Amino acid sequence: MELVGVQKTLSPVLKAKALDNRLPAPVLGDMYADQTMRRLAPGYDKGKFGASQLGLAAVVRTKAFDDWARSFLAEHREAVVLNLGCGLDARVHRIAPPATVEWYDLDHPPVVELRQQLLPPREHCTLIGSDVTDLSWLARIPRGRPVLVIAEGLVPYLTEAAARLLLTSVVDAFPAGQILFDTVSVGAWHASKWDPLGRRYNAQFHCGFNDAAALAEWHPRLQYVDEAPMNDSPELMAKAPATVRRMYRLMNLLPGFKRSSRILRFRF
């Protein structure tokens, strides 16, 4: 099967998680990432930059979402989880929610097909192959229960209109819950057309926000809760190799870089 556009970005993110698992004190410690990456590309860690840990900021982002998800599910043991744009991430296995939680992993059909080949199934976890912007998939989700929405690495690739429709539709569909997602700044959005990774995969950003908390204005029930650090995360600085720490410290001195990516939590 052939992945296209933004679907191809799952490989570098997965590689970052796989390489993290090899650190003496991993940020995430995801054995599934290493196993899956090895099956996708057996020599992924070879070559001059094969074992580089430059992608650890993305691993920090995943860890923040995992921690928030565990906290939510500890208080809402009968919740519904919508893991949107799941890629080949093994979050449901890392978190291991109780059987009372109904978990849905959603991504484009080719990604879901690949996921079925590379990751083991799990009880009470349903795979949905769909474009996230085709909201007909929402009809398959049980209502009347608290919902946790995780949209990692997704919103920047949507237009603002599509992102707004997605989030407000979820709020309208459920009685209460939390929505976890990341955004980029307006500057990072506009600069993405020059990003070599984005150009390589034809996957550029389509929206950005300097005041991400203002997204709560999209719906009267939506409330901004907080955000987690990413490019300046203390965990990143504590666990990354020295060369990677130095690189991030230097980049964080650049105007706007430190807050070019935001990890956000909202509730309703």
C-alpha atoms as a PDB file:
ATOM      1  CA  MET A   1       0.000   0.000   0.000  1.00  0.00           C
ATOM      2  CA  GLU A   2       1.175   3.564  -0.593  1.00  0.00           C
ATOM      3  CA  LEU A   3       1.008   6.322   1.979  1.00  0.00           C
ATOM      4  CA  VAL A   4       0.616   9.821   0.610  1.00  0.00           C
ATOM      5  CA  GLY A   5       1.105  13.376   1.857  1.00  0.00           C
ATOM      6  CA  VAL A   6       0.835  13.871   5.593  1.00  0.00           C
ATOM      7  CA  GLN A   7       0.396  10.105   6.086  1.00  0.00           C
ATOM      8  CA  LYS A   8       4.113   9.729   5.379  1.00  0.00           C
ATOM      9  CA  THR A   9       5.071  11.859   8.389  1.00  0.00           C
ATOM     10  CA  LEU A  10       4.254   8.938  10.690  1.00  0.00           C
ATOM     11  CA  SER A  11       7.646   7.376   9.847  1.00  0.00           C
ATOM     12  CA  PRO A  12       9.982  10.099  11.262  1.00  0.00           C
ATOM     13  CA  VAL A  13       7.831  10.442  14.400  1.00  0.00           C
ATOM     14  CA  LEU A  14       7.855   6.683  14.899  1.00  0.00           C
ATOM     15  CA  LYS A  15      11.620   6.652  14.354  1.00  0.00           C
ATOM     16  CA  ALA A  16      12.090   9.289  17.064  1.00  0.00           C
ATOM     17  CA  LYS A  17      10.162   7.093  19.510  1.00  0.00           C
ATOM     18  CA  ALA A  18      12.137   4.018  18.483  1.00  0.00           C
ATOM     19  CA  LEU A  19      15.449   5.813  19.037  1.00  0.00           C
ATOM     20  CA  ASP A  20      14.247   7.149  22.386  1.00  0.00           C
ATOM     21  CA  ASN A  21      13.687   3.576  23.517  1.00  0.00           C
ATOM     22  CA  ARG A  22      17.431   3.017  23.149  1.00  0.00           C
ATOM     23  CA  LEU A  23      18.405   5.794  25.565  1.00  0.00           C
ATOM     24  CA  PRO A  24      19.686   4.765  29.020  1.00  0.00           C
ATOM     25  CA  ALA A  25      16.737   6.659  30.553  1.00  0.00           C
ATOM     26  CA  PRO A  26      14.101   6.969  27.813  1.00  0.00           C
ATOM     27  CA  VAL A  27      11.523   9.740  27.775  1.00  0.00           C
ATOM     28  CA  LEU A  28       8.762   7.420  26.551  1.00  0.00           C
ATOM     29  CA  GLY A  29      10.273   3.936  26.625  1.00  0.00           C
ATOM     30  CA  ASP A  30       8.032   2.489  23.892  1.00  0.00           C
ATOM     31  CA  MET A  31       9.192  -0.990  22.891  1.00  0.00           C
ATOM     32  CA  TYR A  32       6.448  -1.180  20.239  1.00  0.00           C
ATOM     33  CA  ALA A  33       7.983   1.780  18.408  1.00  0.00           C
ATOM     34  CA  ASP A  34      11.333   0.030  18.050  1.00  0.00           C
ATOM     35  CA  GLN A  35       9.728  -3.245  16.955  1.00  0.00           C
ATOM     36  CA  THR A  36       7.434  -1.531  14.442  1.00  0.00           C
ATOM     37  CA  MET A  37      10.165   0.696  13.015  1.00  0.00           C
ATOM     38  CA  ARG A  38      12.463  -2.309  12.637  1.00  0.00           C
ATOM     39  CA  ARG A  39       9.795  -4.078  10.568  1.00  0.00           C
ATOM     40  CA  LEU A  40       9.159  -1.001   8.433  1.00  0.00           C
ATOM     41  CA  ALA A  41      12.839  -0.187   7.860  1.00  0.00           C
ATOM     42  CA  PRO A  42      15.300  -2.726   9.288  1.00  0.00           C
ATOM     43  CA  GLY A  43      18.241  -0.342   8.862  1.00  0.00           C
ATOM     44  CA  TYR A  44      16.481   2.775  10.153  1.00  0.00           C
ATOM     45  CA  ASP A  45      19.229   3.473  12.717  1.00  0.00           C
ATOM     46  CA  LYS A  46      22.141   3.085  10.305  1.00  0.00           C
ATOM     47  CA  GLY A  47      24.088   5.759   8.452  1.00  0.00           C
ATOM     48  CA  LYS A  48      25.597   9.081   9.528  1.00  0.00           C
ATOM     49  CA  PHE A  49      22.480  10.462  11.199  1.00  0.00           C
ATOM     50  CA  GLY A  50      20.558   7.213  11.627  1.00  0.00           C
ATOM     51  CA  ALA A  51      20.756   7.202  15.419  1.00  0.00           C
ATOM     52  CA  SER A  52      20.372  10.965  15.910  1.00  0.00           C
ATOM     53  CA  GLN A  53      18.061  11.986  18.758  1.00  0.00           C
ATOM     54  CA  LEU A  54      17.084  15.318  17.158  1.00  0.00           C
ATOM     55  CA  GLY A  55      13.431  14.240  17.115  1.00  0.00           C
ATOM     56  CA  LEU A  56      13.139  13.914  20.892  1.00  0.00           C
ATOM     57  CA  ALA A  57      10.879  16.979  21.149  1.00  0.00           C
ATOM     58  CA  ALA A  58       8.182  14.961  19.358  1.00  0.00           C
ATOM     59  CA  VAL A  59       8.673  12.186  21.923  1.00  0.00           C
ATOM     60  CA  VAL A  60       8.233  14.730  24.724  1.00  0.00           C
ATOM     61  CA  ARG A  61       4.958  15.759  23.081  1.00  0.00           C
ATOM     62  CA  THR A  62       3.750  12.152  23.066  1.00  0.00           C
ATOM     63  CA  LYS A  63       4.703  11.743  26.730  1.00  0.00           C
ATOM     64  CA  ALA A  64       2.694  14.852  27.670  1.00  0.00           C
ATOM     65  CA  PHE A  65      -0.396  13.472  25.925  1.00  0.00           C
ATOM     66  CA  ASP A  66       0.089  10.078  27.607  1.00  0.00           C
ATOM     67  CA  ASP A  67       0.366  11.657  31.061  1.00  0.00           C
ATOM     68  CA  TRP A  68      -2.760  13.761  30.551  1.00  0.00           C
ATOM     69  CA  ALA A  69      -4.642  10.742  29.210  1.00  0.00           C
ATOM     70  CA  ARG A  70      -3.728   8.612  32.233  1.00  0.00           C
ATOM     71  CA  SER A  71      -4.869  11.389  34.545  1.00  0.00           C
ATOM     72  CA  PHE A  72      -8.217  11.736  32.755  1.00  0.00           C
ATOM     73  CA  LEU A  73      -8.894   7.999  32.634  1.00  0.00           C
ATOM     74  CA  ALA A  74      -8.058   7.603  36.317  1.00  0.00           C
ATOM     75  CA  GLU A  75     -11.064   9.828  37.037  1.00  0.00           C
ATOM     76  CA  HIS A  76     -13.298   8.664  34.168  1.00  0.00           C
ATOM     77  CA  ARG A  77     -13.041   4.900  33.979  1.00  0.00           C
ATOM     78  CA  GLU A  78     -15.998   4.562  31.605  1.00  0.00           C
ATOM     79  CA  ALA A  79     -14.842   7.171  29.113  1.00  0.00           C
ATOM     80  CA  VAL A  80     -14.663   7.044  25.352  1.00  0.00           C
ATOM     81  CA  VAL A  81     -11.235   7.836  23.875  1.00  0.00           C
ATOM     82  CA  LEU A  82     -10.868   9.215  20.339  1.00  0.00           C
ATOM     83  CA  ASN A  83      -7.225   8.952  19.274  1.00  0.00           C
ATOM     84  CA  LEU A  84      -7.367  10.931  16.036  1.00  0.00           C
ATOM     85  CA  GLY A  85      -4.594  10.682  13.453  1.00  0.00           C
ATOM     86  CA  CYS A  86      -3.179   7.759  15.424  1.00  0.00           C
ATOM     87  CA  GLY A  87      -0.599   6.723  12.839  1.00  0.00           C
ATOM     88  CA  LEU A  88       1.440   3.770  14.102  1.00  0.00           C
ATOM     89  CA  ASP A  89       1.583   5.026  17.659  1.00  0.00           C
ATOM     90  CA  ALA A  90       1.038   2.368  20.364  1.00  0.00           C
ATOM     91  CA  ARG A  91      -0.660   4.691  22.876  1.00  0.00           C
ATOM     92  CA  VAL A  92      -3.459   2.269  23.731  1.00  0.00           C
ATOM     93  CA  HIS A  93      -0.830  -0.353  24.623  1.00  0.00           C
ATOM     94  CA  ARG A  94       1.316   2.065  26.634  1.00  0.00           C
ATOM     95  CA  ILE A  95      -1.627   3.383  28.650  1.00  0.00           C
ATOM     96  CA  ALA A  96      -3.436   0.028  28.904  1.00  0.00           C
ATOM     97  CA  PRO A  97      -6.839   1.496  29.810  1.00  0.00           C
ATOM     98  CA  PRO A  98      -9.334  -0.605  31.797  1.00  0.00           C
ATOM     99  CA  ALA A  99     -11.893  -2.702  29.938  1.00  0.00           C
ATOM    100  CA  THR A 100     -14.559  -0.160  30.858  1.00  0.00           C
ATOM    101  CA  VAL A 101     -12.969   2.350  28.440  1.00  0.00           C
ATOM    102  CA  GLU A 102     -13.963   2.234  24.773  1.00  0.00           C
ATOM    103  CA  TRP A 103     -10.980   3.328  22.687  1.00  0.00           C
ATOM    104  CA  TYR A 104     -11.074   4.359  19.015  1.00  0.00           C
ATOM    105  CA  ASP A 105      -7.949   4.755  16.873  1.00  0.00           C
ATOM    106  CA  LEU A 106      -8.687   6.704  13.693  1.00  0.00           C
ATOM    107  CA  ASP A 107      -6.557   7.436  10.649  1.00  0.00           C
ATOM    108  CA  HIS A 108      -6.644   7.212   6.858  1.00  0.00           C
ATOM    109  CA  PRO A 109      -7.537   3.695   5.578  1.00  0.00           C
ATOM    110  CA  PRO A 110      -3.998   2.894   4.282  1.00  0.00           C
ATOM    111  CA  VAL A 111      -2.543   3.806   7.689  1.00  0.00           C
ATOM    112  CA  VAL A 112      -5.113   1.672   9.503  1.00  0.00           C
ATOM    113  CA  GLU A 113      -4.338  -1.242   7.185  1.00  0.00           C
ATOM    114  CA  LEU A 114      -0.629  -0.878   7.951  1.00  0.00           C
ATOM    115  CA  ARG A 115      -1.417  -0.607  11.639  1.00  0.00           C
ATOM    116  CA  GLN A 116      -3.302  -3.907  11.514  1.00  0.00           C
ATOM    117  CA  GLN A 117      -0.214  -5.561  10.041  1.00  0.00           C
ATOM    118  CA  LEU A 118       2.333  -4.113  12.466  1.00  0.00           C
ATOM    119  CA  LEU A 119       0.608  -3.672  15.841  1.00  0.00           C
ATOM    120  CA  PRO A 120      -1.278  -6.249  17.901  1.00  0.00           C
ATOM    121  CA  PRO A 121      -5.021  -5.793  18.395  1.00  0.00           C
ATOM    122  CA  ARG A 122      -6.419  -4.908  21.793  1.00  0.00           C
ATOM    123  CA  GLU A 123      -9.787  -5.574  23.347  1.00  0.00           C
ATOM    124  CA  HIS A 124     -12.134  -2.590  23.488  1.00  0.00           C
ATOM    125  CA  CYS A 125      -9.999  -0.791  20.902  1.00  0.00           C
ATOM    126  CA  THR A 126     -11.680  -0.177  17.542  1.00  0.00           C
ATOM    127  CA  LEU A 127      -9.849   0.925  14.411  1.00  0.00           C
ATOM    128  CA  ILE A 128     -11.592   3.377  12.090  1.00  0.00           C
ATOM    129  CA  GLY A 129     -10.215   4.032   8.612  1.00  0.00           C
ATOM    130  CA  SER A 130     -11.393   7.500   7.649  1.00  0.00           C
ATOM    131  CA  ASP A 131     -10.308  11.006   6.834  1.00  0.00           C
ATOM    132  CA  VAL A 132     -10.777  12.794  10.158  1.00  0.00           C
ATOM    133  CA  THR A 133     -12.478  15.709   8.389  1.00  0.00           C
ATOM    134  CA  ASP A 134     -15.237  13.407   7.078  1.00  0.00           C
ATOM    135  CA  LEU A 135     -17.251  13.634  10.273  1.00  0.00           C
ATOM    136  CA  SER A 136     -19.548  10.747   9.360  1.00  0.00           C
ATOM    137  CA  TRP A 137     -17.250   8.586  11.518  1.00  0.00           C
ATOM    138  CA  LEU A 138     -18.679  10.344  14.597  1.00  0.00           C
ATOM    139  CA  ALA A 139     -21.940   8.438  14.106  1.00  0.00           C
ATOM    140  CA  ARG A 140     -20.083   5.230  15.050  1.00  0.00           C
ATOM    141  CA  ILE A 141     -19.069   6.514  18.482  1.00  0.00           C
ATOM    142  CA  PRO A 142     -21.278   5.853  21.549  1.00  0.00           C
ATOM    143  CA  ARG A 143     -22.604   9.045  23.152  1.00  0.00           C
ATOM    144  CA  GLY A 144     -23.620   9.915  26.688  1.00  0.00           C
ATOM    145  CA  ARG A 145     -20.178   9.215  28.203  1.00  0.00           C
ATOM    146  CA  PRO A 146     -17.221  11.473  28.983  1.00  0.00           C
ATOM    147  CA  VAL A 147     -14.849  11.690  26.033  1.00  0.00           C
ATOM    148  CA  LEU A 148     -11.114  12.160  25.771  1.00  0.00           C
ATOM    149  CA  VAL A 149      -9.946  13.409  22.380  1.00  0.00           C
ATOM    150  CA  ILE A 150      -6.244  13.105  21.537  1.00  0.00           C
ATOM    151  CA  ALA A 151      -5.170  14.743  18.289  1.00  0.00           C
ATOM    152  CA  GLU A 152      -1.381  14.552  18.235  1.00  0.00           C
ATOM    153  CA  GLY A 153       0.376  15.999  15.202  1.00  0.00           C
ATOM    154  CA  LEU A 154      -2.949  16.603  13.472  1.00  0.00           C
ATOM    155  CA  VAL A 155      -4.384  20.110  13.841  1.00  0.00           C
ATOM    156  CA  PRO A 156      -1.554  21.994  12.053  1.00  0.00           C
ATOM    157  CA  TYR A 157      -2.224  19.918   8.927  1.00  0.00           C
ATOM    158  CA  LEU A 158      -5.901  20.925   8.865  1.00  0.00           C
ATOM    159  CA  THR A 159      -7.279  24.221   7.680  1.00  0.00           C
ATOM    160  CA  GLU A 160      -8.553  26.442  10.468  1.00  0.00           C
ATOM    161  CA  ALA A 161     -12.122  25.865   9.276  1.00  0.00           C
ATOM    162  CA  ALA A 162     -11.689  22.078   9.337  1.00  0.00           C
ATOM    163  CA  ALA A 163     -10.053  22.149  12.777  1.00  0.00           C
ATOM    164  CA  ARG A 164     -12.820  24.327  14.146  1.00  0.00           C
ATOM    165  CA  LEU A 165     -15.571  22.105  12.728  1.00  0.00           C
ATOM    166  CA  LEU A 166     -13.883  18.980  14.133  1.00  0.00           C
ATOM    167  CA  LEU A 167     -13.476  20.334  17.661  1.00  0.00           C
ATOM    168  CA  THR A 168     -16.888  21.961  17.908  1.00  0.00           C
ATOM    169  CA  SER A 169     -18.593  18.850  16.523  1.00  0.00           C
ATOM    170  CA  VAL A 170     -16.992  16.754  19.263  1.00  0.00           C
ATOM    171  CA  VAL A 171     -18.091  19.214  21.949  1.00  0.00           C
ATOM    172  CA  ASP A 172     -21.642  19.138  20.585  1.00  0.00           C
ATOM    173  CA  ALA A 173     -21.680  15.324  20.530  1.00  0.00           C
ATOM    174  CA  PHE A 174     -20.635  14.569  24.129  1.00  0.00           C
ATOM    175  CA  PRO A 175     -21.746  15.698  27.591  1.00  0.00           C
ATOM    176  CA  ALA A 176     -18.240  16.438  28.919  1.00  0.00           C
ATOM    177  CA  GLY A 177     -14.603  15.701  28.303  1.00  0.00           C
ATOM    178  CA  GLN A 178     -11.136  16.925  27.428  1.00  0.00           C
ATOM    179  CA  ILE A 179      -9.482  17.655  24.099  1.00  0.00           C
ATOM    180  CA  LEU A 180      -5.703  17.360  23.820  1.00  0.00           C
ATOM    181  CA  PHE A 181      -3.935  18.630  20.728  1.00  0.00           C
ATOM    182  CA  ASP A 182      -0.875  20.524  19.565  1.00  0.00           C
ATOM    183  CA  THR A 183      -0.642  23.619  17.420  1.00  0.00           C
ATOM    184  CA  VAL A 184       2.069  25.674  15.802  1.00  0.00           C
ATOM    185  CA  SER A 185       2.546  29.419  15.730  1.00  0.00           C
ATOM    186  CA  VAL A 186       1.592  31.539  12.737  1.00  0.00           C
ATOM    187  CA  GLY A 187       5.286  31.937  11.964  1.00  0.00           C
ATOM    188  CA  ALA A 188       5.889  28.184  12.019  1.00  0.00           C
ATOM    189  CA  TRP A 189       2.828  27.676   9.815  1.00  0.00           C
ATOM    190  CA  HIS A 190       4.102  30.076   7.148  1.00  0.00           C
ATOM    191  CA  ALA A 191       7.661  28.764   7.409  1.00  0.00           C
ATOM    192  CA  SER A 192       6.529  25.170   6.914  1.00  0.00           C
ATOM    193  CA  LYS A 193       6.554  25.588   3.139  1.00  0.00           C
ATOM    194  CA  TRP A 194      10.350  25.759   3.402  1.00  0.00           C
ATOM    195  CA  ASP A 195      10.647  22.809   5.804  1.00  0.00           C
ATOM    196  CA  PRO A 196      12.621  20.026   4.050  1.00  0.00           C
ATOM    197  CA  LEU A 197      10.612  17.285   5.782  1.00  0.00           C
ATOM    198  CA  GLY A 198       7.313  18.868   4.765  1.00  0.00           C
ATOM    199  CA  ARG A 199       8.538  19.378   1.205  1.00  0.00           C
ATOM    200  CA  ARG A 200       9.778  15.807   1.039  1.00  0.00           C
ATOM    201  CA  TYR A 201       6.406  14.405   2.081  1.00  0.00           C
ATOM    202  CA  ASN A 202       4.239  17.128   0.521  1.00  0.00           C
ATOM    203  CA  ALA A 203       2.855  17.727   4.020  1.00  0.00           C
ATOM    204  CA  GLN A 204       2.794  21.406   4.878  1.00  0.00           C
ATOM    205  CA  PHE A 205       0.960  23.104   7.731  1.00  0.00           C
ATOM    206  CA  HIS A 206      -2.372  24.730   6.937  1.00  0.00           C
ATOM    207  CA  CYS A 207      -3.035  26.707  10.113  1.00  0.00           C
ATOM    208  CA  GLY A 208      -1.245  28.285  13.041  1.00  0.00           C
ATOM    209  CA  PHE A 209      -2.133  30.275  16.154  1.00  0.00           C
ATOM    210  CA  ASN A 210      -0.124  32.667  18.291  1.00  0.00           C
ATOM    211  CA  ASP A 211      -2.760  32.784  21.040  1.00  0.00           C
ATOM    212  CA  ALA A 212      -3.768  29.142  21.220  1.00  0.00           C
ATOM    213  CA  ALA A 213      -5.832  29.704  24.383  1.00  0.00           C
ATOM    214  CA  ALA A 214      -8.171  31.839  22.273  1.00  0.00           C
ATOM    215  CA  LEU A 215      -9.356  28.679  20.503  1.00  0.00           C
ATOM    216  CA  ALA A 216     -11.691  28.224  23.476  1.00  0.00           C
ATOM    217  CA  GLU A 217     -13.780  30.961  21.853  1.00  0.00           C
ATOM    218  CA  TRP A 218     -14.731  28.484  19.137  1.00  0.00           C
ATOM    219  CA  HIS A 219     -17.437  27.020  21.395  1.00  0.00           C
ATOM    220  CA  PRO A 220     -19.184  28.421  24.479  1.00  0.00           C
ATOM    221  CA  ARG A 221     -18.593  25.166  26.417  1.00  0.00           C
ATOM    222  CA  LEU A 222     -14.895  24.939  25.575  1.00  0.00           C
ATOM    223  CA  GLN A 223     -12.367  26.057  28.204  1.00  0.00           C
ATOM    224  CA  TYR A 224      -8.582  26.347  27.971  1.00  0.00           C
ATOM    225  CA  VAL A 225      -6.910  24.411  30.809  1.00  0.00           C
ATOM    226  CA  ASP A 226      -3.139  24.547  30.334  1.00  0.00           C
ATOM    227  CA  GLU A 227      -0.213  23.636  28.119  1.00  0.00           C
ATOM    228  CA  ALA A 228       2.886  21.482  28.435  1.00  0.00           C
ATOM    229  CA  PRO A 229       6.405  22.499  27.388  1.00  0.00           C
ATOM    230  CA  MET A 230       7.873  20.976  24.266  1.00  0.00           C
ATOM    231  CA  ASN A 231      10.969  22.596  22.760  1.00  0.00           C
ATOM    232  CA  ASP A 232      12.104  23.747  26.210  1.00  0.00           C
ATOM    233  CA  SER A 233      10.816  20.755  28.162  1.00  0.00           C
ATOM    234  CA  PRO A 234      12.855  20.020  31.320  1.00  0.00           C
ATOM    235  CA  GLU A 235      12.552  16.316  30.499  1.00  0.00           C
ATOM    236  CA  LEU A 236      14.013  16.923  27.049  1.00  0.00           C
ATOM    237  CA  MET A 237      16.932  18.824  28.565  1.00  0.00           C
ATOM    238  CA  ALA A 238      17.471  16.144  31.214  1.00  0.00           C
ATOM    239  CA  LYS A 239      17.381  13.056  29.005  1.00  0.00           C
ATOM    240  CA  ALA A 240      18.596  14.094  25.562  1.00  0.00           C
ATOM    241  CA  PRO A 241      22.248  13.475  24.638  1.00  0.00           C
ATOM    242  CA  ALA A 242      24.506  16.475  25.284  1.00  0.00           C
ATOM    243  CA  THR A 243      24.764  17.457  21.613  1.00  0.00           C
ATOM    244  CA  VAL A 244      20.970  17.484  21.264  1.00  0.00           C
ATOM    245  CA  ARG A 245      20.554  19.514  24.462  1.00  0.00           C
ATOM    246  CA  ARG A 246      22.983  22.121  23.164  1.00  0.00           C
ATOM    247  CA  MET A 247      21.169  22.315  19.847  1.00  0.00           C
ATOM    248  CA  TYR A 248      17.788  22.901  21.497  1.00  0.00           C
ATOM    249  CA  ARG A 249      19.227  25.496  23.874  1.00  0.00           C
ATOM    250  CA  LEU A 250      20.622  27.396  20.892  1.00  0.00           C
ATOM    251  CA  MET A 251      17.391  27.137  18.887  1.00  0.00           C
ATOM    252  CA  ASN A 252      15.357  28.263  21.888  1.00  0.00           C
ATOM    253  CA  LEU A 253      17.302  31.534  21.743  1.00  0.00           C
ATOM    254  CA  LEU A 254      15.827  32.226  18.318  1.00  0.00           C
ATOM    255  CA  PRO A 255      12.805  34.563  18.404  1.00  0.00           C
ATOM    256  CA  GLY A 256       9.625  32.533  18.443  1.00  0.00           C
ATOM    257  CA  PHE A 257      11.175  29.069  18.359  1.00  0.00           C
ATOM    258  CA  LYS A 258      10.505  28.151  21.985  1.00  0.00           C
ATOM    259  CA  ARG A 259       6.764  28.600  21.543  1.00  0.00           C
ATOM    260  CA  SER A 260       6.568  27.615  17.887  1.00  0.00           C
ATOM    261  CA  SER A 261       4.926  24.351  18.964  1.00  0.00           C
ATOM    262  CA  ARG A 262       2.348  24.171  21.766  1.00  0.00           C
ATOM    263  CA  ILE A 263       0.887  21.122  23.558  1.00  0.00           C
ATOM    264  CA  LEU A 264      -2.578  22.111  24.744  1.00  0.00           C
ATOM    265  CA  ARG A 265      -5.343  20.837  26.980  1.00  0.00           C
ATOM    266  CA  PHE A 266      -8.965  22.006  26.828  1.00  0.00           C
ATOM    267  CA  ARG A 267     -12.077  20.801  28.644  1.00  0.00           C
ATOM    268  CA  PHE A 268     -15.820  21.137  28.239  1.00  0.00           C
END
